[in-house]
Amino acid sequence: MLNRNRNIANLASGYLFPEISKRRAAYAKAHPDARIISLGIGNTTEPLTPRVVAGLRAEVDRLGTREGYSGYGDETGTTRLREAIARVLYGGIVASDEVFVSDGAKCDIGRLQYLFGPETKVAVQDPAYPVYVDGSVMVGAAGAVPPGGTGYAGIVYMPCTAENGFFPDLALIPANSLVYFCSPNNPTGAVATREQLTRLVSVARERGSVIVYDSAYSAYIRDPALPRSIFDIPGARECAVEVSSFSKPIGFTGVRLGWTVVPKELRFADGTPVIQDWTRLMTTIFNGASNIAQAGGLASLDEAGLAETRALTDFYLENAAIIREALGGANFRAAGVEVYGGDNAPYIWARFPGKKSWEVFDSILDTCRVVCTPGAGFGPAGESFIRFSAFGHRDQVVEACKRLASLAL
């Protein structure tokens, strides 16, 4: 018999969100009459917008004709969509042939880990979206959690705390490493300033490191002074790739569509352009995003689609404001709960001093029948925090916030 892949065996436990689902299911089984509301997983809830639906439907109709049918498409995305992303979302600061369309940012992050390989040193913001860490372990770039430890061996955790404004100490970045950076951040909701990103780019260039910049929530930025792309920063083209998605701006979590920008200037130590190997990898192990999904994505980038994107992200930001207000209630203030995020991001990050994250998770589920996300699942620095997601139907968000007012802390 074949041996188990030792890299996968090094994973400490189940992925965070299935564990949340398991606990929710157990509670529902024990309390079958309970109406549970989720403010947990960042899954969009509102229907696809009319412009997107029209784009999807038109492509389905076209594929139903002999003249319009197409089989395999370009593995890197349709020319029209790549050009639209470069023009509309980046204002021409990236070229269309540097845009690689995919089935989602999460999938691309996994492919990037495969691209850079198991010998690559990895640094992550702490807390961080779990796939940065778990994916690194699965490709062999990190080892098992040491006995009694709180993080995987071989990964450099860069704490992002309230004390440092949720921006890490860049001195921790190793030379020649892959640096995962997410802004607006999941889970903290923090958005890096232009000055902070300028320092990040400077350090990465000095140390020969590559930034994997996750901008999946950039459409939620309302402050015009905050950068939406790492490529807004001079020098980033020599040290960064950017991963992004249609999921959270326009509800494509189930439709599946994202992209990665790989600038031509970015090179490996031997001088090989990274874009060359990325193209080879994508055209070898990926057959391209769905033609139908790409048509919907393209529709979201015209004038009507952009207006719908703005309205949808405004809706979720309004949810975030409602949740923030609830977390400022008397019971939370008395317990010293601190609340962050939710202004330029759809996540609220709340610290419950002196309590364990899973303890607070269970208390909120038991008392309020509300599901949230324990901060410890995002890394060691997430302990004592809870992430609340603004993705939800308005009536459910309002009801959940009423219930939170009864939480004893």
Protein backbone atom coordinates (compact mmCIF):
# COMPACT_ATOMS: atom_id res chain seq x y z
CA MET A 1 0.00 0.00 0.00
CA LEU A 2 1.08 3.56 -0.64
CA ASN A 3 2.22 5.63 2.31
CA ARG A 4 0.18 8.63 3.34
CA ASN A 5 1.39 12.00 2.08
CA ARG A 6 3.41 13.13 5.09
CA ASN A 7 2.78 16.80 4.34
CA ILE A 8 -0.98 16.37 4.65
CA ALA A 9 -0.39 14.24 7.74
CA ASN A 10 1.35 17.28 9.28
CA LEU A 11 -1.89 19.27 9.36
CA ALA A 12 -2.86 19.74 12.98
CA SER A 13 -6.64 19.38 12.74
CA GLY A 14 -9.62 19.85 10.48
CA TYR A 15 -9.93 23.03 8.46
CA LEU A 16 -11.48 25.81 10.56
CA PHE A 17 -14.81 26.18 8.81
CA PRO A 18 -15.78 22.48 8.75
CA GLU A 19 -15.12 22.46 12.50
CA ILE A 20 -17.53 25.38 12.91
CA SER A 21 -20.10 23.52 10.81
CA LYS A 22 -19.68 20.42 12.97
CA ARG A 23 -20.31 22.35 16.18
CA ARG A 24 -23.29 24.11 14.65
CA ALA A 25 -24.75 20.77 13.54
CA ALA A 26 -24.26 19.28 16.99
CA TYR A 27 -26.05 22.22 18.59
CA ALA A 28 -28.92 22.02 16.08
CA LYS A 29 -29.32 18.31 16.75
CA ALA A 30 -29.52 18.93 20.50
CA HIS A 31 -31.88 21.90 20.03
CA PRO A 32 -34.03 21.07 16.98
CA ASP A 33 -36.34 24.03 17.51
CA ALA A 34 -33.56 26.59 17.68
CA ARG A 35 -33.33 29.05 14.78
CA ILE A 36 -29.60 29.51 14.34
CA ILE A 37 -28.28 32.61 12.57
CA SER A 38 -24.80 32.72 11.11
CA LEU A 39 -22.48 35.71 11.36
CA GLY A 40 -19.59 33.34 10.82
CA ILE A 41 -18.35 32.08 7.48
CA GLY A 42 -17.72 34.79 4.89
CA ASN A 43 -20.19 33.43 2.35
CA THR A 44 -22.26 35.97 0.46
CA THR A 45 -26.03 35.74 0.88
CA GLU A 46 -27.74 38.17 -1.49
CA PRO A 47 -28.95 37.15 -4.97
CA LEU A 48 -26.86 37.69 -8.07
CA THR A 49 -27.51 41.13 -9.49
CA PRO A 50 -29.64 41.69 -12.62
CA ARG A 51 -26.74 42.72 -14.85
CA VAL A 52 -24.75 39.63 -13.89
CA VAL A 53 -27.74 37.33 -14.36
CA ALA A 54 -28.31 38.79 -17.82
CA GLY A 55 -24.67 38.16 -18.71
CA LEU A 56 -24.78 34.58 -17.47
CA ARG A 57 -28.07 33.88 -19.22
CA ALA A 58 -26.89 35.32 -22.53
CA GLU A 59 -23.82 33.10 -22.47
CA VAL A 60 -25.88 30.01 -21.67
CA ASP A 61 -28.20 30.84 -24.57
CA ARG A 62 -25.24 31.38 -26.87
CA LEU A 63 -23.71 28.04 -25.91
CA GLY A 64 -27.03 26.43 -26.81
CA THR A 65 -26.56 27.30 -30.46
CA ARG A 66 -24.36 25.68 -33.07
CA GLU A 67 -22.81 29.02 -33.99
CA GLY A 68 -22.20 30.11 -30.43
CA TYR A 69 -21.06 26.90 -28.82
CA SER A 70 -17.45 26.72 -27.64
CA GLY A 71 -15.55 23.94 -25.95
CA TYR A 72 -12.34 24.54 -24.08
CA GLY A 73 -11.46 28.18 -23.69
CA ASP A 74 -8.15 29.89 -23.09
CA GLU A 75 -6.66 28.50 -19.86
CA THR A 76 -5.66 32.04 -18.86
CA GLY A 77 -9.07 33.60 -19.47
CA THR A 78 -10.92 35.25 -22.32
CA THR A 79 -9.19 38.22 -23.89
CA ARG A 80 -12.20 40.46 -23.27
CA LEU A 81 -12.32 39.70 -19.55
CA ARG A 82 -8.55 40.04 -19.05
CA GLU A 83 -8.65 43.39 -20.83
CA ALA A 84 -11.62 44.56 -18.76
CA ILE A 85 -9.98 43.62 -15.46
CA ALA A 86 -6.78 45.44 -16.42
CA ARG A 87 -8.63 48.53 -17.64
CA VAL A 88 -11.54 48.84 -15.19
CA LEU A 89 -10.10 47.49 -11.94
CA TYR A 90 -6.46 48.54 -12.35
CA GLY A 91 -6.78 51.62 -14.52
CA GLY A 92 -4.20 50.26 -16.92
CA ILE A 93 -1.36 49.94 -14.38
CA VAL A 94 -1.20 46.24 -15.24
CA ALA A 95 -1.32 44.75 -18.73
CA SER A 96 -4.08 42.40 -19.81
CA ASP A 97 -1.59 39.60 -20.51
CA GLU A 98 -0.42 39.86 -16.89
CA VAL A 99 -3.96 38.99 -15.72
CA PHE A 100 -4.70 35.28 -15.34
CA VAL A 101 -8.38 34.43 -14.85
CA SER A 102 -9.18 31.43 -12.66
CA ASP A 103 -11.86 29.66 -10.66
CA GLY A 104 -11.18 31.71 -7.54
CA ALA A 105 -8.55 33.34 -5.35
CA LYS A 106 -8.36 30.43 -2.92
CA CYS A 107 -7.56 28.04 -5.78
CA ASP A 108 -4.89 30.40 -7.10
CA ILE A 109 -3.24 30.66 -3.70
CA GLY A 110 -2.85 26.88 -3.72
CA ARG A 111 -1.38 26.97 -7.24
CA LEU A 112 1.05 29.72 -6.24
CA GLN A 113 2.29 27.59 -3.36
CA TYR A 114 2.85 24.79 -5.86
CA LEU A 115 4.66 27.24 -8.16
CA PHE A 116 7.16 28.39 -5.53
CA GLY A 117 7.67 24.92 -4.11
CA PRO A 118 8.43 23.18 -0.81
CA GLU A 119 11.84 24.78 -0.23
CA THR A 120 10.38 28.28 0.00
CA LYS A 121 10.35 30.03 3.35
CA VAL A 122 6.94 31.37 4.28
CA ALA A 123 5.86 34.38 6.35
CA VAL A 124 2.24 35.18 7.14
CA GLN A 125 0.31 37.85 8.94
CA ASP A 126 -0.97 36.44 12.21
CA PRO A 127 -3.94 36.08 12.29
CA ALA A 128 -4.36 35.01 8.66
CA TYR A 129 -6.78 33.32 6.29
CA PRO A 130 -6.14 29.62 7.04
CA VAL A 131 -5.33 28.56 3.46
CA TYR A 132 -2.04 30.50 3.54
CA VAL A 133 -0.80 28.32 6.37
CA ASP A 134 -2.56 25.03 5.66
CA GLY A 135 -1.65 25.19 1.98
CA SER A 136 2.00 25.82 2.86
CA VAL A 137 1.99 22.72 5.05
CA MET A 138 0.38 20.63 2.33
CA VAL A 139 3.08 21.49 -0.24
CA GLY A 140 5.84 20.79 2.28
CA ALA A 141 6.95 24.38 2.88
CA ALA A 142 6.17 23.95 6.59
CA GLY A 143 6.16 21.11 9.09
CA ALA A 144 3.93 19.88 11.85
CA VAL A 145 3.05 21.91 14.92
CA PRO A 146 5.74 21.15 17.52
CA PRO A 147 4.54 19.51 20.76
CA GLY A 148 3.06 22.24 22.93
CA GLY A 149 3.43 24.76 20.12
CA THR A 150 0.86 27.15 18.66
CA GLY A 151 2.10 27.37 15.07
CA TYR A 152 3.51 25.19 12.32
CA ALA A 153 7.25 24.64 12.19
CA GLY A 154 8.96 26.59 9.43
CA ILE A 155 6.36 29.35 9.13
CA VAL A 156 7.22 32.83 10.37
CA TYR A 157 4.17 34.31 12.08
CA MET A 158 4.05 38.10 12.05
CA PRO A 159 1.66 39.17 14.83
CA CYS A 160 -0.93 41.79 13.86
CA THR A 161 -2.40 43.12 17.08
CA ALA A 162 -4.36 46.10 18.31
CA GLU A 163 -1.12 47.39 19.79
CA ASN A 164 0.62 47.58 16.40
CA GLY A 165 -2.47 48.68 14.49
CA PHE A 166 -2.78 45.22 12.94
CA PHE A 167 0.28 45.86 10.78
CA PRO A 168 3.18 43.47 11.36
CA ASP A 169 6.79 44.07 12.30
CA LEU A 170 8.42 43.81 8.87
CA ALA A 171 11.78 42.99 10.45
CA LEU A 172 10.40 39.47 10.87
CA ILE A 173 10.30 38.85 7.11
CA PRO A 174 13.02 36.32 6.21
CA ALA A 175 15.23 36.82 3.17
CA ASN A 176 14.08 35.03 0.02
CA SER A 177 10.65 34.21 1.40
CA LEU A 178 7.04 34.15 0.28
CA VAL A 179 5.10 36.77 2.24
CA TYR A 180 1.30 36.46 2.46
CA PHE A 181 -0.41 39.79 2.97
CA CYS A 182 -4.15 40.48 2.85
CA SER A 183 -5.70 43.96 2.73
CA PRO A 184 -8.50 44.60 3.55
CA ASN A 185 -7.59 41.89 5.96
CA ASN A 186 -9.45 38.70 6.67
CA PRO A 187 -10.08 38.33 9.61
CA THR A 188 -9.13 41.63 11.28
CA GLY A 189 -10.83 44.02 8.84
CA ALA A 190 -7.74 46.24 8.89
CA VAL A 191 -6.68 48.05 5.71
CA ALA A 192 -3.02 48.91 5.13
CA THR A 193 -2.19 52.52 4.38
CA ARG A 194 -0.10 53.68 1.43
CA GLU A 195 2.83 54.37 3.75
CA GLN A 196 2.61 50.90 5.29
CA LEU A 197 2.49 49.17 1.91
CA THR A 198 5.39 51.30 0.70
CA ARG A 199 7.45 49.96 3.61
CA LEU A 200 6.30 46.41 2.87
CA VAL A 201 7.40 46.68 -0.76
CA SER A 202 10.72 48.23 0.25
CA VAL A 203 11.52 45.42 2.70
CA ALA A 204 10.47 42.71 0.24
CA ARG A 205 12.74 44.14 -2.45
CA GLU A 206 15.66 44.48 -0.04
CA ARG A 207 15.34 40.86 1.07
CA GLY A 208 14.58 39.25 -2.26
CA SER A 209 11.15 38.17 -1.05
CA VAL A 210 7.89 37.91 -2.97
CA ILE A 211 4.60 39.28 -1.66
CA VAL A 212 1.43 37.33 -2.37
CA TYR A 213 -1.05 40.17 -1.99
CA ASP A 214 -4.65 39.11 -1.43
CA SER A 215 -7.00 41.93 -2.46
CA ALA A 216 -10.22 39.90 -2.49
CA TYR A 217 -12.02 42.57 -0.39
CA SER A 218 -10.67 45.67 -2.12
CA ALA A 219 -14.14 46.65 -3.42
CA TYR A 220 -15.13 47.40 0.19
CA ILE A 221 -12.60 50.19 0.60
CA ARG A 222 -14.42 53.50 0.89
CA ASP A 223 -11.56 55.71 2.06
CA PRO A 224 -9.98 57.09 -1.14
CA ALA A 225 -6.61 57.45 0.60
CA LEU A 226 -6.31 53.67 1.06
CA PRO A 227 -4.73 51.67 -1.79
CA ARG A 228 -6.85 49.00 -3.46
CA SER A 229 -3.92 47.22 -5.13
CA ILE A 230 -0.32 46.50 -4.23
CA PHE A 231 0.53 47.77 -7.71
CA ASP A 232 -0.49 51.26 -6.60
CA ILE A 233 2.87 51.20 -4.80
CA PRO A 234 6.05 52.00 -6.77
CA GLY A 235 8.39 49.02 -6.98
CA ALA A 236 5.69 46.41 -6.35
CA ARG A 237 5.99 45.06 -9.88
CA GLU A 238 9.44 43.71 -8.99
CA CYS A 239 8.36 41.90 -5.82
CA ALA A 240 4.65 41.03 -5.78
CA VAL A 241 1.79 39.09 -7.30
CA GLU A 242 -1.81 39.98 -6.57
CA VAL A 243 -4.67 37.53 -6.09
CA SER A 244 -8.27 38.70 -6.23
CA SER A 245 -11.82 37.53 -6.76
CA PHE A 246 -15.36 38.24 -7.94
CA SER A 247 -16.71 36.30 -4.95
CA LYS A 248 -17.16 38.95 -2.28
CA PRO A 249 -17.76 42.07 -4.42
CA ILE A 250 -20.51 40.61 -6.65
CA GLY A 251 -21.58 37.33 -5.04
CA PHE A 252 -19.60 34.78 -7.08
CA THR A 253 -18.79 32.50 -4.14
CA GLY A 254 -20.66 29.67 -5.88
CA VAL A 255 -20.16 30.84 -9.46
CA ARG A 256 -16.36 30.69 -8.97
CA LEU A 257 -14.26 33.33 -10.69
CA GLY A 258 -11.07 35.10 -9.71
CA TRP A 259 -7.74 36.23 -11.10
CA THR A 260 -4.05 36.63 -10.35
CA VAL A 261 -1.81 39.40 -11.66
CA VAL A 262 1.81 38.39 -12.31
CA PRO A 263 3.91 41.35 -13.55
CA LYS A 264 6.52 40.75 -16.20
CA GLU A 265 9.26 42.36 -14.09
CA LEU A 266 9.00 39.73 -11.31
CA ARG A 267 11.81 37.18 -11.60
CA PHE A 268 13.24 34.18 -9.82
CA ALA A 269 16.81 34.24 -8.49
CA ASP A 270 18.14 32.77 -11.74
CA GLY A 271 16.50 35.51 -13.79
CA THR A 272 13.60 33.43 -15.09
CA PRO A 273 10.41 35.52 -15.31
CA VAL A 274 7.85 34.23 -12.81
CA ILE A 275 5.13 34.84 -15.39
CA GLN A 276 6.76 32.25 -17.65
CA ASP A 277 6.47 29.47 -15.06
CA TRP A 278 3.01 30.64 -13.94
CA THR A 279 1.77 30.43 -17.52
CA ARG A 280 3.24 26.95 -17.86
CA LEU A 281 1.64 25.82 -14.60
CA MET A 282 -1.78 27.27 -15.37
CA THR A 283 -1.92 25.85 -18.88
CA THR A 284 -0.84 22.43 -17.59
CA ILE A 285 -2.99 21.77 -14.52
CA PHE A 286 -5.92 24.12 -15.17
CA ASN A 287 -8.34 24.11 -18.11
CA GLY A 288 -9.64 27.61 -17.62
CA ALA A 289 -12.55 29.20 -15.79
CA SER A 290 -16.08 28.46 -16.94
CA ASN A 291 -17.06 30.39 -20.08
CA ILE A 292 -20.38 31.11 -18.39
CA ALA A 293 -18.78 32.46 -15.22
CA GLN A 294 -16.46 34.67 -17.26
CA ALA A 295 -19.42 36.16 -19.11
CA GLY A 296 -20.99 37.04 -15.76
CA GLY A 297 -17.74 38.57 -14.56
CA LEU A 298 -17.46 40.66 -17.71
CA ALA A 299 -21.02 41.92 -17.24
CA SER A 300 -20.13 43.07 -13.71
CA LEU A 301 -17.42 45.35 -15.11
CA ASP A 302 -19.55 47.56 -17.34
CA GLU A 303 -21.24 50.72 -16.02
CA ALA A 304 -24.39 48.96 -14.82
CA GLY A 305 -22.43 46.08 -13.30
CA LEU A 306 -20.12 48.41 -11.39
CA ALA A 307 -23.12 50.28 -9.98
CA GLU A 308 -24.58 46.98 -8.79
CA THR A 309 -21.25 46.01 -7.22
CA ARG A 310 -21.18 49.29 -5.33
CA ALA A 311 -24.75 48.81 -4.11
CA LEU A 312 -24.09 45.25 -2.99
CA THR A 313 -20.90 46.08 -1.12
CA ASP A 314 -22.65 49.09 0.45
CA PHE A 315 -25.36 46.71 1.69
CA TYR A 316 -22.84 44.45 3.42
CA LEU A 317 -21.00 47.44 4.89
CA GLU A 318 -24.33 48.60 6.34
CA ASN A 319 -24.63 45.16 7.94
CA ALA A 320 -21.16 45.64 9.37
CA ALA A 321 -22.19 48.96 10.91
CA ILE A 322 -25.21 47.30 12.54
CA ILE A 323 -23.00 44.58 14.04
CA ARG A 324 -20.45 47.11 15.27
CA GLU A 325 -23.22 49.06 16.99
CA ALA A 326 -24.48 45.90 18.70
CA LEU A 327 -20.98 45.04 19.92
CA GLY A 328 -20.85 48.47 21.52
CA GLY A 329 -23.82 47.59 23.75
CA ALA A 330 -23.73 47.93 27.53
CA ASN A 331 -22.95 44.26 28.19
CA PHE A 332 -19.97 44.33 25.83
CA ARG A 333 -18.67 47.64 27.15
CA ALA A 334 -18.87 46.38 30.71
CA ALA A 335 -16.80 43.33 29.76
CA GLY A 336 -14.15 45.49 28.09
CA VAL A 337 -14.80 44.11 24.60
CA GLU A 338 -12.79 45.94 21.94
CA VAL A 339 -14.16 46.23 18.39
CA TYR A 340 -12.16 46.74 15.18
CA GLY A 341 -12.79 46.67 11.43
CA GLY A 342 -16.11 46.85 9.63
CA ASP A 343 -15.59 50.26 8.02
CA ASN A 344 -13.59 49.44 4.88
CA ALA A 345 -14.09 45.68 5.15
CA PRO A 346 -17.00 43.27 5.72
CA TYR A 347 -15.48 41.77 8.89
CA ILE A 348 -15.61 42.93 12.50
CA TRP A 349 -12.83 41.74 14.80
CA ALA A 350 -13.73 41.80 18.50
CA ARG A 351 -11.46 41.04 21.45
CA PHE A 352 -12.92 39.44 24.57
CA PRO A 353 -10.23 40.02 27.20
CA GLY A 354 -9.27 37.03 29.32
CA LYS A 355 -11.36 34.54 27.33
CA LYS A 356 -10.51 31.80 24.85
CA SER A 357 -11.94 32.18 21.36
CA TRP A 358 -13.68 28.79 21.27
CA GLU A 359 -15.10 29.50 24.73
CA VAL A 360 -16.69 32.70 23.45
CA PHE A 361 -17.86 30.93 20.29
CA ASP A 362 -19.67 28.27 22.33
CA SER A 363 -21.15 30.86 24.68
CA ILE A 364 -22.57 32.92 21.81
CA LEU A 365 -23.96 29.80 20.14
CA ASP A 366 -25.50 28.46 23.36
CA THR A 367 -26.90 31.77 24.61
CA CYS A 368 -27.77 33.63 21.41
CA ARG A 369 -28.02 30.84 18.82
CA VAL A 370 -25.63 32.85 16.67
CA VAL A 371 -22.63 31.37 14.85
CA CYS A 372 -19.45 33.43 14.66
CA THR A 373 -15.81 32.53 13.95
CA PRO A 374 -13.24 31.93 16.72
CA GLY A 375 -10.16 34.05 16.18
CA ALA A 376 -7.80 31.29 17.33
CA GLY A 377 -8.62 29.46 14.11
CA PHE A 378 -6.75 32.15 12.18
CA GLY A 379 -3.49 31.84 14.11
CA PRO A 380 -1.91 32.33 17.54
CA ALA A 381 -2.51 36.10 17.59
CA GLY A 382 -6.22 35.49 17.05
CA GLU A 383 -6.73 34.03 20.52
CA SER A 384 -9.38 35.90 22.54
CA PHE A 385 -10.84 37.38 19.36
CA ILE A 386 -14.04 36.61 17.48
CA ARG A 387 -14.67 37.43 13.83
CA PHE A 388 -18.17 38.55 12.92
CA SER A 389 -19.10 38.47 9.24
CA ALA A 390 -21.33 41.10 7.64
CA PHE A 391 -22.50 38.65 5.00
CA GLY A 392 -26.14 37.95 5.81
CA HIS A 393 -29.72 38.87 5.06
CA ARG A 394 -30.60 42.16 6.76
CA ASP A 395 -33.44 40.78 8.87
CA GLN A 396 -31.22 37.99 10.16
CA VAL A 397 -28.38 40.38 10.97
CA VAL A 398 -30.75 42.62 12.91
CA GLU A 399 -32.21 39.64 14.78
CA ALA A 400 -28.76 38.28 15.58
CA CYS A 401 -27.72 41.64 17.00
CA LYS A 402 -30.80 41.76 19.21
CA ARG A 403 -29.87 38.36 20.58
CA LEU A 404 -26.28 39.43 21.23
CA ALA A 405 -27.64 42.07 23.62
CA SER A 406 -28.58 39.22 25.98
CA LEU A 407 -25.10 37.70 26.08
CA ALA A 408 -23.70 37.43 29.58
CA LEU A 409 -19.96 38.11 29.65
